[in-house]
């Protein structure tokens, strides 16, 4: 390791301060670290979820396991797990955080297939939106992509539901895409909209297309996806059915530089405000 790298590492440790030696005030120490370092969605053992949550660490659980949003400091993660009485991570906290960051880089790429982008960047720019294409993510449960023509079709006899991960809202329609206007956390009291995918015989089927090569996924896509998968799991449990297949579909949008509202690139209509980066 070069001397400059060693000095940089030591300076960062000096800025962080010493690691805690007892559980006392552990939650406040973690809170301070969270404001100083970027957070990483790191997989953890399920038995570590409750001890970390009790110390103020945000936990996201899904069928695939538990993840903790923890500051990017491997030594700190190891120490916090030990003081919280949670099991250590195989290979240590630094290895787990690095692996999560590398995976997050891949997960921040938009899905390979997209709702059809009909409004081109030049048109969006002329209407006052940025010409840069962003891709929100829609999870469509109990659906599959027909290989012959790229059409979406039902994967079984059960209901089809769709959730926009970034908006955290269900969709009431896919063609055209329309969000319900309430978060999926309230879907049980408001009603979870079910969709009907057209077969394409007597009506036009919804055909997907390859996602634009210039499209960007919003930062935090991995965390938004984890919350959406959790919602689908809760929905399946409420309906007493096994997890149906789900398809990840990109929803192309444009960002406004002024109002914060997005522009739907499928039909060209404004969407609720959202911060994209």
C-alpha atoms as a PDB file:
ATOM      1  CA  UNK A   1       0.000   0.000   0.000  1.00  0.00           C
ATOM      2  CA  UNK A   2       1.338   3.415  -0.914  1.00  0.00           C
ATOM      3  CA  UNK A   3       2.131   5.921   1.836  1.00  0.00           C
ATOM      4  CA  UNK A   4      -0.538   8.312   0.478  1.00  0.00           C
ATOM      5  CA  UNK A   5      -3.180   5.573   0.755  1.00  0.00           C
ATOM      6  CA  UNK A   6      -2.121   4.783   4.322  1.00  0.00           C
ATOM      7  CA  UNK A   7      -2.319   8.438   5.312  1.00  0.00           C
ATOM      8  CA  UNK A   8      -5.737   8.830   3.708  1.00  0.00           C
ATOM      9  CA  UNK A   9      -7.018   5.768   5.549  1.00  0.00           C
ATOM     10  CA  UNK A  10      -5.690   6.999   8.900  1.00  0.00           C
ATOM     11  CA  UNK A  11      -7.117  10.496   8.407  1.00  0.00           C
ATOM     12  CA  UNK A  12     -10.541   9.056   7.719  1.00  0.00           C
ATOM     13  CA  UNK A  13     -10.319   6.945  10.873  1.00  0.00           C
ATOM     14  CA  UNK A  14      -9.271  10.047  12.821  1.00  0.00           C
ATOM     15  CA  UNK A  15     -12.289  11.967  11.527  1.00  0.00           C
ATOM     16  CA  UNK A  16     -14.575   9.081  12.481  1.00  0.00           C
ATOM     17  CA  UNK A  17     -13.116   8.838  15.972  1.00  0.00           C
ATOM     18  CA  UNK A  18     -12.577   5.709  18.076  1.00  0.00           C
ATOM     19  CA  UNK A  19     -14.950   2.801  17.759  1.00  0.00           C
ATOM     20  CA  UNK A  20     -17.375   2.356  20.677  1.00  0.00           C
ATOM     21  CA  UNK A  21     -16.280  -0.057  23.418  1.00  0.00           C
ATOM     22  CA  UNK A  22     -19.658  -0.689  25.078  1.00  0.00           C
ATOM     23  CA  UNK A  23     -23.349  -0.744  24.075  1.00  0.00           C
ATOM     24  CA  UNK A  24     -23.941   2.511  25.945  1.00  0.00           C
ATOM     25  CA  UNK A  25     -24.902   5.348  23.581  1.00  0.00           C
ATOM     26  CA  UNK A  26     -24.407   3.012  20.624  1.00  0.00           C
ATOM     27  CA  UNK A  27     -27.533   4.312  18.859  1.00  0.00           C
ATOM     28  CA  UNK A  28     -26.381   7.949  19.018  1.00  0.00           C
ATOM     29  CA  UNK A  29     -22.895   6.969  17.774  1.00  0.00           C
ATOM     30  CA  UNK A  30     -24.443   5.167  14.784  1.00  0.00           C
ATOM     31  CA  UNK A  31     -26.669   8.178  14.075  1.00  0.00           C
ATOM     32  CA  UNK A  32     -23.597  10.422  13.917  1.00  0.00           C
ATOM     33  CA  UNK A  33     -21.813   8.015  11.613  1.00  0.00           C
ATOM     34  CA  UNK A  34     -24.857   7.915   9.312  1.00  0.00           C
ATOM     35  CA  UNK A  35     -24.581  11.657   8.709  1.00  0.00           C
ATOM     36  CA  UNK A  36     -20.858  11.442   7.914  1.00  0.00           C
ATOM     37  CA  UNK A  37     -20.744   8.499   5.504  1.00  0.00           C
ATOM     38  CA  UNK A  38     -22.908   7.206   2.636  1.00  0.00           C
ATOM     39  CA  UNK A  39     -25.279   4.367   3.513  1.00  0.00           C
ATOM     40  CA  UNK A  40     -24.973   0.937   1.910  1.00  0.00           C
ATOM     41  CA  UNK A  41     -27.708  -1.708   1.655  1.00  0.00           C
ATOM     42  CA  UNK A  42     -25.777  -4.639   3.110  1.00  0.00           C
ATOM     43  CA  UNK A  43     -27.140  -8.206   3.464  1.00  0.00           C
ATOM     44  CA  UNK A  44     -27.130  -9.428   7.079  1.00  0.00           C
ATOM     45  CA  UNK A  45     -28.274 -12.612   8.855  1.00  0.00           C
ATOM     46  CA  UNK A  46     -31.942 -12.489   9.783  1.00  0.00           C
ATOM     47  CA  UNK A  47     -31.060 -12.930  13.470  1.00  0.00           C
ATOM     48  CA  UNK A  48     -29.059  -9.686  13.270  1.00  0.00           C
ATOM     49  CA  UNK A  49     -32.040  -7.644  12.058  1.00  0.00           C
ATOM     50  CA  UNK A  50     -33.749  -6.983  15.405  1.00  0.00           C
ATOM     51  CA  UNK A  51     -30.552  -6.135  17.386  1.00  0.00           C
ATOM     52  CA  UNK A  52     -29.489  -3.654  14.719  1.00  0.00           C
ATOM     53  CA  UNK A  53     -32.976  -2.189  14.383  1.00  0.00           C
ATOM     54  CA  UNK A  54     -33.011  -1.608  18.148  1.00  0.00           C
ATOM     55  CA  UNK A  55     -29.927   0.591  17.678  1.00  0.00           C
ATOM     56  CA  UNK A  56     -31.590   2.763  15.019  1.00  0.00           C
ATOM     57  CA  UNK A  57     -30.274   0.968  11.926  1.00  0.00           C
ATOM     58  CA  UNK A  58     -32.824   0.849   9.087  1.00  0.00           C
ATOM     59  CA  UNK A  59     -33.664  -2.756   8.188  1.00  0.00           C
ATOM     60  CA  UNK A  60     -35.425  -4.021   5.050  1.00  0.00           C
ATOM     61  CA  UNK A  61     -36.640  -7.631   5.093  1.00  0.00           C
ATOM     62  CA  UNK A  62     -37.874  -9.667   2.133  1.00  0.00           C
ATOM     63  CA  UNK A  63     -38.247 -13.303   1.149  1.00  0.00           C
ATOM     64  CA  UNK A  64     -34.605 -13.352   0.082  1.00  0.00           C
ATOM     65  CA  UNK A  65     -33.285 -12.192   3.485  1.00  0.00           C
ATOM     66  CA  UNK A  66     -32.553  -9.058   5.503  1.00  0.00           C
ATOM     67  CA  UNK A  67     -30.554  -5.969   4.565  1.00  0.00           C
ATOM     68  CA  UNK A  68     -29.239  -3.169   6.751  1.00  0.00           C
ATOM     69  CA  UNK A  69     -28.674   0.401   5.554  1.00  0.00           C
ATOM     70  CA  UNK A  70     -25.343   0.967   7.263  1.00  0.00           C
ATOM     71  CA  UNK A  71     -22.589   3.582   6.842  1.00  0.00           C
ATOM     72  CA  UNK A  72     -19.724   2.545   4.557  1.00  0.00           C
ATOM     73  CA  UNK A  73     -17.326   1.568   7.355  1.00  0.00           C
ATOM     74  CA  UNK A  74     -16.467  -2.116   7.709  1.00  0.00           C
ATOM     75  CA  UNK A  75     -14.740  -1.779  11.091  1.00  0.00           C
ATOM     76  CA  UNK A  76     -17.752   0.056  12.486  1.00  0.00           C
ATOM     77  CA  UNK A  77     -20.139  -2.609  11.200  1.00  0.00           C
ATOM     78  CA  UNK A  78     -18.095  -5.375  12.833  1.00  0.00           C
ATOM     79  CA  UNK A  79     -17.990  -3.511  16.155  1.00  0.00           C
ATOM     80  CA  UNK A  80     -21.707  -2.638  16.135  1.00  0.00           C
ATOM     81  CA  UNK A  81     -22.689  -6.243  15.405  1.00  0.00           C
ATOM     82  CA  UNK A  82     -20.543  -7.447  18.293  1.00  0.00           C
ATOM     83  CA  UNK A  83     -21.864  -4.868  20.771  1.00  0.00           C
ATOM     84  CA  UNK A  84     -25.463  -5.448  19.682  1.00  0.00           C
ATOM     85  CA  UNK A  85     -25.104  -9.172  20.334  1.00  0.00           C
ATOM     86  CA  UNK A  86     -25.623 -10.043  16.667  1.00  0.00           C
ATOM     87  CA  UNK A  87     -23.693 -12.691  14.718  1.00  0.00           C
ATOM     88  CA  UNK A  88     -20.584 -11.610  12.829  1.00  0.00           C
ATOM     89  CA  UNK A  89     -20.591 -11.443   9.042  1.00  0.00           C
ATOM     90  CA  UNK A  90     -18.592 -14.096   7.185  1.00  0.00           C
ATOM     91  CA  UNK A  91     -15.441 -12.413   5.929  1.00  0.00           C
ATOM     92  CA  UNK A  92     -16.059  -9.278   7.992  1.00  0.00           C
ATOM     93  CA  UNK A  93     -17.983  -6.053   7.553  1.00  0.00           C
ATOM     94  CA  UNK A  94     -15.648  -4.485   4.987  1.00  0.00           C
ATOM     95  CA  UNK A  95     -15.989  -7.466   2.646  1.00  0.00           C
ATOM     96  CA  UNK A  96     -19.793  -7.436   3.020  1.00  0.00           C
ATOM     97  CA  UNK A  97     -20.050  -3.700   2.340  1.00  0.00           C
ATOM     98  CA  UNK A  98     -17.742  -3.872  -0.677  1.00  0.00           C
ATOM     99  CA  UNK A  99     -19.713  -6.772  -2.123  1.00  0.00           C
ATOM    100  CA  UNK A 100     -22.977  -4.886  -1.542  1.00  0.00           C
ATOM    101  CA  UNK A 101     -21.617  -1.764  -3.261  1.00  0.00           C
ATOM    102  CA  UNK A 102     -20.495  -3.780  -6.275  1.00  0.00           C
ATOM    103  CA  UNK A 103     -23.879  -5.485  -6.499  1.00  0.00           C
ATOM    104  CA  UNK A 104     -25.658  -2.149  -6.011  1.00  0.00           C
ATOM    105  CA  UNK A 105     -23.789  -0.779  -9.016  1.00  0.00           C
ATOM    106  CA  UNK A 106     -25.281  -3.551 -11.123  1.00  0.00           C
ATOM    107  CA  UNK A 107     -28.732  -3.154  -9.571  1.00  0.00           C
ATOM    108  CA  UNK A 108     -28.764   0.547 -10.395  1.00  0.00           C
ATOM    109  CA  UNK A 109     -28.999  -0.375 -14.082  1.00  0.00           C
ATOM    110  CA  UNK A 110     -32.577  -0.227 -15.407  1.00  0.00           C
ATOM    111  CA  UNK A 111     -34.438  -3.415 -16.376  1.00  0.00           C
ATOM    112  CA  UNK A 112     -33.598  -4.671 -19.878  1.00  0.00           C
ATOM    113  CA  UNK A 113     -37.196  -4.342 -21.152  1.00  0.00           C
ATOM    114  CA  UNK A 114     -39.270  -1.198 -21.074  1.00  0.00           C
ATOM    115  CA  UNK A 115     -42.727   0.170 -21.651  1.00  0.00           C
ATOM    116  CA  UNK A 116     -42.585   1.709 -25.138  1.00  0.00           C
ATOM    117  CA  UNK A 117     -40.812   5.074 -25.180  1.00  0.00           C
ATOM    118  CA  UNK A 118     -43.040   7.080 -27.519  1.00  0.00           C
ATOM    119  CA  UNK A 119     -42.068  10.623 -26.552  1.00  0.00           C
ATOM    120  CA  UNK A 120     -38.524  11.291 -27.752  1.00  0.00           C
ATOM    121  CA  UNK A 121     -35.994  13.456 -25.865  1.00  0.00           C
ATOM    122  CA  UNK A 122     -36.228  16.355 -28.331  1.00  0.00           C
ATOM    123  CA  UNK A 123     -39.980  16.590 -27.791  1.00  0.00           C
ATOM    124  CA  UNK A 124     -39.611  16.420 -24.014  1.00  0.00           C
ATOM    125  CA  UNK A 125     -37.011  19.194 -24.146  1.00  0.00           C
ATOM    126  CA  UNK A 126     -39.320  21.385 -26.210  1.00  0.00           C
ATOM    127  CA  UNK A 127     -41.975  20.998 -23.493  1.00  0.00           C
ATOM    128  CA  UNK A 128     -39.606  22.135 -20.743  1.00  0.00           C
ATOM    129  CA  UNK A 129     -38.279  18.831 -19.417  1.00  0.00           C
ATOM    130  CA  UNK A 130     -34.725  17.564 -19.420  1.00  0.00           C
ATOM    131  CA  UNK A 131     -33.985  15.347 -22.441  1.00  0.00           C
ATOM    132  CA  UNK A 132     -32.224  12.798 -20.205  1.00  0.00           C
ATOM    133  CA  UNK A 133     -34.209   9.558 -19.940  1.00  0.00           C
ATOM    134  CA  UNK A 134     -34.662   7.975 -16.511  1.00  0.00           C
ATOM    135  CA  UNK A 135     -36.227   4.565 -15.956  1.00  0.00           C
ATOM    136  CA  UNK A 136     -38.492   3.923 -12.991  1.00  0.00           C
ATOM    137  CA  UNK A 137     -39.078   0.263 -12.152  1.00  0.00           C
ATOM    138  CA  UNK A 138     -42.465  -1.451 -12.275  1.00  0.00           C
ATOM    139  CA  UNK A 139     -42.890  -4.902 -10.738  1.00  0.00           C
ATOM    140  CA  UNK A 140     -45.694  -6.851 -12.408  1.00  0.00           C
ATOM    141  CA  UNK A 141     -46.776  -9.897 -10.448  1.00  0.00           C
ATOM    142  CA  UNK A 142     -48.158 -13.036 -12.128  1.00  0.00           C
ATOM    143  CA  UNK A 143     -46.989 -11.928 -15.561  1.00  0.00           C
ATOM    144  CA  UNK A 144     -44.417 -13.009 -18.125  1.00  0.00           C
ATOM    145  CA  UNK A 145     -42.889 -11.748 -21.323  1.00  0.00           C
ATOM    146  CA  UNK A 146     -43.974 -13.574 -24.469  1.00  0.00           C
ATOM    147  CA  UNK A 147     -40.779 -14.433 -26.287  1.00  0.00           C
ATOM    148  CA  UNK A 148     -42.302 -14.466 -29.771  1.00  0.00           C
ATOM    149  CA  UNK A 149     -43.250 -10.779 -29.866  1.00  0.00           C
ATOM    150  CA  UNK A 150     -42.310  -9.189 -26.517  1.00  0.00           C
ATOM    151  CA  UNK A 151     -45.920  -8.914 -25.345  1.00  0.00           C
ATOM    152  CA  UNK A 152     -46.843  -9.053 -21.669  1.00  0.00           C
ATOM    153  CA  UNK A 153     -49.245 -11.844 -20.767  1.00  0.00           C
ATOM    154  CA  UNK A 154     -50.636 -13.414 -17.596  1.00  0.00           C
ATOM    155  CA  UNK A 155     -48.531 -16.197 -16.122  1.00  0.00           C
ATOM    156  CA  UNK A 156     -51.473 -17.972 -14.496  1.00  0.00           C
ATOM    157  CA  UNK A 157     -55.106 -17.722 -13.449  1.00  0.00           C
ATOM    158  CA  UNK A 158     -54.448 -15.430 -10.485  1.00  0.00           C
ATOM    159  CA  UNK A 159     -54.726 -11.618 -10.412  1.00  0.00           C
ATOM    160  CA  UNK A 160     -52.092  -9.381 -11.986  1.00  0.00           C
ATOM    161  CA  UNK A 161     -50.868  -6.460  -9.873  1.00  0.00           C
ATOM    162  CA  UNK A 162     -48.225  -3.843 -10.653  1.00  0.00           C
ATOM    163  CA  UNK A 163     -46.183  -1.639  -8.322  1.00  0.00           C
ATOM    164  CA  UNK A 164     -43.911   1.285  -9.159  1.00  0.00           C
ATOM    165  CA  UNK A 165     -40.955   0.764  -6.834  1.00  0.00           C
ATOM    166  CA  UNK A 166     -39.741   4.382  -6.775  1.00  0.00           C
ATOM    167  CA  UNK A 167     -43.188   5.913  -6.224  1.00  0.00           C
ATOM    168  CA  UNK A 168     -44.090   3.112  -3.768  1.00  0.00           C
ATOM    169  CA  UNK A 169     -47.567   3.098  -5.294  1.00  0.00           C
ATOM    170  CA  UNK A 170     -49.633   0.495  -7.126  1.00  0.00           C
ATOM    171  CA  UNK A 171     -50.627   1.034 -10.747  1.00  0.00           C
ATOM    172  CA  UNK A 172     -54.260   1.094 -11.822  1.00  0.00           C
ATOM    173  CA  UNK A 173     -53.309   0.696 -15.480  1.00  0.00           C
ATOM    174  CA  UNK A 174     -50.315  -0.392 -17.529  1.00  0.00           C
ATOM    175  CA  UNK A 175     -51.466   0.736 -20.954  1.00  0.00           C
ATOM    176  CA  UNK A 176     -51.259   3.645 -20.395  1.00  0.00           C
ATOM    177  CA  UNK A 177     -49.305   3.494 -17.108  1.00  0.00           C
ATOM    178  CA  UNK A 178     -51.174   5.249 -14.284  1.00  0.00           C
ATOM    179  CA  UNK A 179     -50.390   5.184 -10.565  1.00  0.00           C
ATOM    180  CA  UNK A 180     -53.117   4.819  -7.964  1.00  0.00           C
ATOM    181  CA  UNK A 181     -52.280   7.999  -6.034  1.00  0.00           C
ATOM    182  CA  UNK A 182     -51.791   6.288  -2.641  1.00  0.00           C
ATOM    183  CA  UNK A 183     -48.808   4.330  -1.253  1.00  0.00           C
ATOM    184  CA  UNK A 184     -48.884   0.558  -1.349  1.00  0.00           C
ATOM    185  CA  UNK A 185     -48.646   0.583   2.458  1.00  0.00           C
ATOM    186  CA  UNK A 186     -52.312   1.706   2.378  1.00  0.00           C
ATOM    187  CA  UNK A 187     -53.345  -0.633  -0.421  1.00  0.00           C
ATOM    188  CA  UNK A 188     -55.110  -2.987   1.982  1.00  0.00           C
ATOM    189  CA  UNK A 189     -57.532  -0.275   3.108  1.00  0.00           C
ATOM    190  CA  UNK A 190     -57.767   1.518  -0.246  1.00  0.00           C
ATOM    191  CA  UNK A 191     -57.783  -1.654  -2.358  1.00  0.00           C
ATOM    192  CA  UNK A 192     -54.993  -3.148  -4.441  1.00  0.00           C
ATOM    193  CA  UNK A 193     -55.873  -2.579  -8.127  1.00  0.00           C
ATOM    194  CA  UNK A 194     -55.766  -5.704 -10.261  1.00  0.00           C
ATOM    195  CA  UNK A 195     -54.935  -5.478 -13.952  1.00  0.00           C
ATOM    196  CA  UNK A 196     -55.949  -7.377 -17.032  1.00  0.00           C
ATOM    197  CA  UNK A 197     -53.300  -8.034 -19.632  1.00  0.00           C
ATOM    198  CA  UNK A 198     -54.767  -8.070 -23.109  1.00  0.00           C
ATOM    199  CA  UNK A 199     -54.236 -11.285 -25.039  1.00  0.00           C
ATOM    200  CA  UNK A 200     -53.818  -9.550 -28.381  1.00  0.00           C
ATOM    201  CA  UNK A 201     -56.484 -11.444 -30.350  1.00  0.00           C
ATOM    202  CA  UNK A 202     -59.363  -8.981 -30.218  1.00  0.00           C
ATOM    203  CA  UNK A 203     -57.426  -6.149 -28.583  1.00  0.00           C
ATOM    204  CA  UNK A 204     -53.908  -4.790 -28.811  1.00  0.00           C
ATOM    205  CA  UNK A 205     -51.418  -6.525 -26.531  1.00  0.00           C
ATOM    206  CA  UNK A 206     -48.919  -4.440 -24.577  1.00  0.00           C
ATOM    207  CA  UNK A 207     -45.553  -5.085 -26.188  1.00  0.00           C
ATOM    208  CA  UNK A 208     -42.339  -4.159 -24.443  1.00  0.00           C
ATOM    209  CA  UNK A 209     -39.193  -2.934 -26.128  1.00  0.00           C
ATOM    210  CA  UNK A 210     -35.509  -2.915 -25.276  1.00  0.00           C
ATOM    211  CA  UNK A 211     -34.707  -0.239 -22.709  1.00  0.00           C
ATOM    212  CA  UNK A 212     -32.923   2.775 -24.178  1.00  0.00           C
ATOM    213  CA  UNK A 213     -29.149   2.395 -23.878  1.00  0.00           C
ATOM    214  CA  UNK A 214     -28.924   5.946 -22.505  1.00  0.00           C
ATOM    215  CA  UNK A 215     -31.596   5.451 -19.823  1.00  0.00           C
ATOM    216  CA  UNK A 216     -30.506   5.917 -16.198  1.00  0.00           C
ATOM    217  CA  UNK A 217     -31.956   4.213 -13.156  1.00  0.00           C
ATOM    218  CA  UNK A 218     -32.539   6.563 -10.186  1.00  0.00           C
ATOM    219  CA  UNK A 219     -30.149   6.300  -7.282  1.00  0.00           C
ATOM    220  CA  UNK A 220     -31.528   4.063  -4.570  1.00  0.00           C
ATOM    221  CA  UNK A 221     -33.195   1.674  -7.006  1.00  0.00           C
ATOM    222  CA  UNK A 222     -31.981  -1.349  -5.021  1.00  0.00           C
ATOM    223  CA  UNK A 223     -33.619  -0.128  -1.797  1.00  0.00           C
ATOM    224  CA  UNK A 224     -36.832   0.817  -3.620  1.00  0.00           C
ATOM    225  CA  UNK A 225     -36.945  -2.647  -5.187  1.00  0.00           C
ATOM    226  CA  UNK A 226     -36.459  -4.305  -1.807  1.00  0.00           C
ATOM    227  CA  UNK A 227     -39.448  -2.388  -0.407  1.00  0.00           C
ATOM    228  CA  UNK A 228     -41.566  -3.291  -3.433  1.00  0.00           C
ATOM    229  CA  UNK A 229     -40.699  -6.990  -3.133  1.00  0.00           C
ATOM    230  CA  UNK A 230     -41.648  -6.826   0.543  1.00  0.00           C
ATOM    231  CA  UNK A 231     -45.018  -5.363  -0.438  1.00  0.00           C
ATOM    232  CA  UNK A 232     -45.649  -8.172  -2.918  1.00  0.00           C
ATOM    233  CA  UNK A 233     -44.722 -10.717  -0.259  1.00  0.00           C
ATOM    234  CA  UNK A 234     -47.179  -9.175   2.208  1.00  0.00           C
ATOM    235  CA  UNK A 235     -49.842  -9.146  -0.494  1.00  0.00           C
ATOM    236  CA  UNK A 236     -49.321 -12.831  -1.279  1.00  0.00           C
ATOM    237  CA  UNK A 237     -49.493 -13.654   2.430  1.00  0.00           C
ATOM    238  CA  UNK A 238     -52.769 -11.722   2.767  1.00  0.00           C
ATOM    239  CA  UNK A 239     -54.198 -13.518  -0.262  1.00  0.00           C
ATOM    240  CA  UNK A 240     -52.878 -16.860   1.072  1.00  0.00           C
ATOM    241  CA  UNK A 241     -51.090 -17.789  -2.120  1.00  0.00           C
ATOM    242  CA  UNK A 242     -47.555 -18.607  -3.105  1.00  0.00           C
ATOM    243  CA  UNK A 243     -45.373 -15.937  -4.670  1.00  0.00           C
ATOM    244  CA  UNK A 244     -46.372 -15.630  -8.315  1.00  0.00           C
ATOM    245  CA  UNK A 245     -43.748 -14.804 -10.937  1.00  0.00           C
ATOM    246  CA  UNK A 246     -43.043 -11.106 -11.331  1.00  0.00           C
ATOM    247  CA  UNK A 247     -41.491  -9.158 -14.182  1.00  0.00           C
ATOM    248  CA  UNK A 248     -39.321  -6.060 -13.756  1.00  0.00           C
ATOM    249  CA  UNK A 249     -40.194  -3.485 -16.411  1.00  0.00           C
ATOM    250  CA  UNK A 250     -38.625  -0.067 -16.992  1.00  0.00           C
ATOM    251  CA  UNK A 251     -40.950   2.946 -17.118  1.00  0.00           C
ATOM    252  CA  UNK A 252     -39.212   5.747 -19.067  1.00  0.00           C
ATOM    253  CA  UNK A 253     -39.674   9.273 -17.712  1.00  0.00           C
ATOM    254  CA  UNK A 254     -38.090  12.713 -18.035  1.00  0.00           C
ATOM    255  CA  UNK A 255     -37.041  14.952 -15.153  1.00  0.00           C
ATOM    256  CA  UNK A 256     -38.131  18.554 -14.805  1.00  0.00           C
ATOM    257  CA  UNK A 257     -35.437  21.034 -13.832  1.00  0.00           C
ATOM    258  CA  UNK A 258     -37.958  23.436 -12.286  1.00  0.00           C
ATOM    259  CA  UNK A 259     -41.231  21.949 -10.959  1.00  0.00           C
ATOM    260  CA  UNK A 260     -39.964  18.557  -9.800  1.00  0.00           C
ATOM    261  CA  UNK A 261     -42.726  16.805 -11.741  1.00  0.00           C
ATOM    262  CA  UNK A 262     -41.774  13.985 -14.065  1.00  0.00           C
ATOM    263  CA  UNK A 263     -42.959  13.544 -17.628  1.00  0.00           C
ATOM    264  CA  UNK A 264     -44.196  10.115 -18.653  1.00  0.00           C
ATOM    265  CA  UNK A 265     -42.311   9.190 -21.824  1.00  0.00           C
ATOM    266  CA  UNK A 266     -44.960   6.613 -22.771  1.00  0.00           C
ATOM    267  CA  UNK A 267     -47.949   8.946 -23.202  1.00  0.00           C
ATOM    268  CA  UNK A 268     -46.410  12.368 -22.555  1.00  0.00           C
ATOM    269  CA  UNK A 269     -48.422  13.290 -19.446  1.00  0.00           C
ATOM    270  CA  UNK A 270     -47.062  14.866 -16.231  1.00  0.00           C
ATOM    271  CA  UNK A 271     -46.458  12.657 -13.192  1.00  0.00           C
ATOM    272  CA  UNK A 272     -46.161  13.569  -9.481  1.00  0.00           C
ATOM    273  CA  UNK A 273     -42.939  15.238  -8.387  1.00  0.00           C
ATOM    274  CA  UNK A 274     -39.967  13.047  -7.527  1.00  0.00           C
ATOM    275  CA  UNK A 275     -36.301  13.825  -6.991  1.00  0.00           C
ATOM    276  CA  UNK A 276     -34.151  11.934  -9.479  1.00  0.00           C
ATOM    277  CA  UNK A 277     -30.359  11.795  -9.453  1.00  0.00           C
END
